[in-house]
Amino acid sequence: MAFVDRYDFDLLKNEAEELVYHELEKRLDSDADVCKCNDCVVDMAAIALNSVKPLYRFSLLGGMYAAQAMNEKSYADSIYNAVGRAVDKVKSNPSHD
């Protein structure tokens, strides 16, 4: 039996994903000049997520730790800046013609 088949990794959650998705949605709603096709939007999310500190949790206690980190201004700023850089990067060099 494979390692991943022995454990329930579906319960592992990266809270940074939701924060990036939320900020990305706000940016896309306010920028009419950026491509909103699936490939470009997923590229933006991947670029942003690769540049922010992940906030993985599994348990309730982990969720409380993640919530505390999410409320820190420096973490919120890092999400905001990472999404901005990702949007700019994909906007100037989309995945397609």
C-alpha atoms as a PDB file:
ATOM      1  CA  MET A   1       0.000   0.000   0.000  1.00  0.00           C
ATOM      2  CA  ALA A   2       1.345   3.431  -0.979  1.00  0.00           C
ATOM      3  CA  PHE A   3       2.136   5.973   1.735  1.00  0.00           C
ATOM      4  CA  VAL A   4      -0.597   8.424   0.652  1.00  0.00           C
ATOM      5  CA  ASP A   5      -3.159   5.615   0.722  1.00  0.00           C
ATOM      6  CA  ARG A   6      -2.491   4.960   4.429  1.00  0.00           C
ATOM      7  CA  TYR A   7      -3.317   8.471   5.646  1.00  0.00           C
ATOM      8  CA  ASP A   8      -6.088  11.019   5.099  1.00  0.00           C
ATOM      9  CA  PHE A   9      -4.318  14.016   3.594  1.00  0.00           C
ATOM     10  CA  ASP A  10      -7.646  15.475   2.438  1.00  0.00           C
ATOM     11  CA  LEU A  11      -7.915  17.121   5.860  1.00  0.00           C
ATOM     12  CA  LEU A  12      -4.714  19.107   5.320  1.00  0.00           C
ATOM     13  CA  LYS A  13      -5.582  22.685   4.345  1.00  0.00           C
ATOM     14  CA  ASN A  14      -3.457  25.641   3.246  1.00  0.00           C
ATOM     15  CA  GLU A  15      -5.297  28.723   4.523  1.00  0.00           C
ATOM     16  CA  ALA A  16      -3.131  30.935   2.298  1.00  0.00           C
ATOM     17  CA  GLU A  17      -5.019  29.612  -0.724  1.00  0.00           C
ATOM     18  CA  GLU A  18      -8.318  31.176   0.350  1.00  0.00           C
ATOM     19  CA  LEU A  19      -6.627  34.494   1.084  1.00  0.00           C
ATOM     20  CA  VAL A  20      -4.922  34.533  -2.312  1.00  0.00           C
ATOM     21  CA  TYR A  21      -8.148  33.581  -4.107  1.00  0.00           C
ATOM     22  CA  HIS A  22     -10.055  36.334  -2.315  1.00  0.00           C
ATOM     23  CA  GLU A  23      -7.454  38.997  -3.103  1.00  0.00           C
ATOM     24  CA  LEU A  24      -7.147  37.776  -6.691  1.00  0.00           C
ATOM     25  CA  GLU A  25     -10.910  38.023  -7.151  1.00  0.00           C
ATOM     26  CA  LYS A  26     -10.852  41.637  -5.922  1.00  0.00           C
ATOM     27  CA  ARG A  27      -7.998  42.503  -8.273  1.00  0.00           C
ATOM     28  CA  LEU A  28      -9.631  40.879 -11.290  1.00  0.00           C
ATOM     29  CA  ASP A  29     -12.927  42.636 -10.597  1.00  0.00           C
ATOM     30  CA  SER A  30     -11.187  46.009 -10.605  1.00  0.00           C
ATOM     31  CA  ASP A  31      -8.868  45.480 -13.610  1.00  0.00           C
ATOM     32  CA  ALA A  32     -10.662  45.248 -16.948  1.00  0.00           C
ATOM     33  CA  ASP A  33      -7.401  44.930 -18.899  1.00  0.00           C
ATOM     34  CA  VAL A  34      -6.252  41.604 -17.480  1.00  0.00           C
ATOM     35  CA  CYS A  35      -7.139  38.291 -19.128  1.00  0.00           C
ATOM     36  CA  LYS A  36      -9.553  36.266 -17.040  1.00  0.00           C
ATOM     37  CA  CYS A  37      -9.300  32.953 -18.881  1.00  0.00           C
ATOM     38  CA  ASN A  38      -8.768  29.851 -16.756  1.00  0.00           C
ATOM     39  CA  ASP A  39      -5.084  29.468 -17.679  1.00  0.00           C
ATOM     40  CA  CYS A  40      -4.169  33.058 -16.809  1.00  0.00           C
ATOM     41  CA  VAL A  41      -6.118  33.139 -13.542  1.00  0.00           C
ATOM     42  CA  VAL A  42      -4.669  29.817 -12.361  1.00  0.00           C
ATOM     43  CA  ASP A  43      -1.182  31.040 -13.347  1.00  0.00           C
ATOM     44  CA  MET A  44      -1.738  34.158 -11.231  1.00  0.00           C
ATOM     45  CA  ALA A  45      -2.853  32.086  -8.252  1.00  0.00           C
ATOM     46  CA  ALA A  46       0.127  29.721  -8.583  1.00  0.00           C
ATOM     47  CA  ILE A  47       2.627  32.567  -8.864  1.00  0.00           C
ATOM     48  CA  ALA A  48       1.172  34.329  -5.831  1.00  0.00           C
ATOM     49  CA  LEU A  49       0.985  31.144  -3.738  1.00  0.00           C
ATOM     50  CA  ASN A  50       4.586  30.279  -4.550  1.00  0.00           C
ATOM     51  CA  SER A  51       5.725  33.570  -3.077  1.00  0.00           C
ATOM     52  CA  VAL A  52       3.803  33.647   0.228  1.00  0.00           C
ATOM     53  CA  LYS A  53       4.359  31.702   3.401  1.00  0.00           C
ATOM     54  CA  PRO A  54       1.987  28.716   3.468  1.00  0.00           C
ATOM     55  CA  LEU A  55      -0.404  28.358   6.394  1.00  0.00           C
ATOM     56  CA  TYR A  56      -1.160  24.651   6.543  1.00  0.00           C
ATOM     57  CA  ARG A  57      -3.488  23.316   9.186  1.00  0.00           C
ATOM     58  CA  PHE A  58      -5.037  20.016  10.077  1.00  0.00           C
ATOM     59  CA  SER A  59      -6.715  20.444  13.426  1.00  0.00           C
ATOM     60  CA  LEU A  60      -8.798  23.025  15.247  1.00  0.00           C
ATOM     61  CA  LEU A  61      -5.685  24.199  17.056  1.00  0.00           C
ATOM     62  CA  GLY A  62      -3.934  24.556  13.701  1.00  0.00           C
ATOM     63  CA  GLY A  63      -6.887  26.574  12.459  1.00  0.00           C
ATOM     64  CA  MET A  64      -6.526  28.956  15.394  1.00  0.00           C
ATOM     65  CA  TYR A  65      -2.802  29.382  14.639  1.00  0.00           C
ATOM     66  CA  ALA A  66      -3.573  30.067  10.975  1.00  0.00           C
ATOM     67  CA  ALA A  67      -6.274  32.588  11.910  1.00  0.00           C
ATOM     68  CA  GLN A  68      -3.823  34.434  14.144  1.00  0.00           C
ATOM     69  CA  ALA A  69      -1.212  34.557  11.374  1.00  0.00           C
ATOM     70  CA  MET A  70      -3.798  35.704   8.818  1.00  0.00           C
ATOM     71  CA  ASN A  71      -4.714  38.663  11.014  1.00  0.00           C
ATOM     72  CA  GLU A  72      -1.154  39.964  11.131  1.00  0.00           C
ATOM     73  CA  LYS A  73      -0.746  43.050   8.959  1.00  0.00           C
ATOM     74  CA  SER A  74       2.570  41.843   7.570  1.00  0.00           C
ATOM     75  CA  TYR A  75       0.962  38.614   6.329  1.00  0.00           C
ATOM     76  CA  ALA A  76      -1.977  40.471   4.795  1.00  0.00           C
ATOM     77  CA  ASP A  77       0.504  42.795   3.098  1.00  0.00           C
ATOM     78  CA  SER A  78       2.460  39.836   1.724  1.00  0.00           C
ATOM     79  CA  ILE A  79      -0.739  38.393   0.208  1.00  0.00           C
ATOM     80  CA  TYR A  80      -1.694  41.761  -1.290  1.00  0.00           C
ATOM     81  CA  ASN A  81       1.776  42.296  -2.768  1.00  0.00           C
ATOM     82  CA  ALA A  82       2.152  38.733  -4.053  1.00  0.00           C
ATOM     83  CA  VAL A  83      -1.178  38.894  -5.881  1.00  0.00           C
ATOM     84  CA  GLY A  84      -0.302  42.285  -7.349  1.00  0.00           C
ATOM     85  CA  ARG A  85       3.018  40.987  -8.681  1.00  0.00           C
ATOM     86  CA  ALA A  86       1.343  37.858 -10.066  1.00  0.00           C
ATOM     87  CA  VAL A  87      -1.347  39.840 -11.878  1.00  0.00           C
ATOM     88  CA  ASP A  88       1.239  42.201 -13.348  1.00  0.00           C
ATOM     89  CA  LYS A  89       3.443  39.317 -14.470  1.00  0.00           C
ATOM     90  CA  VAL A  90       0.675  37.387 -16.215  1.00  0.00           C
ATOM     91  CA  LYS A  91      -0.861  40.558 -17.612  1.00  0.00           C
ATOM     92  CA  SER A  92       2.407  41.428 -19.352  1.00  0.00           C
ATOM     93  CA  ASN A  93       3.079  37.830 -20.421  1.00  0.00           C
ATOM     94  CA  PRO A  94      -0.130  35.757 -20.678  1.00  0.00           C
ATOM     95  CA  SER A  95      -0.069  31.999 -21.244  1.00  0.00           C
ATOM     96  CA  HIS A  96      -1.489  32.372 -24.743  1.00  0.00           C
ATOM     97  CA  ASP A  97      -1.403  34.569 -27.837  1.00  0.00           C
END
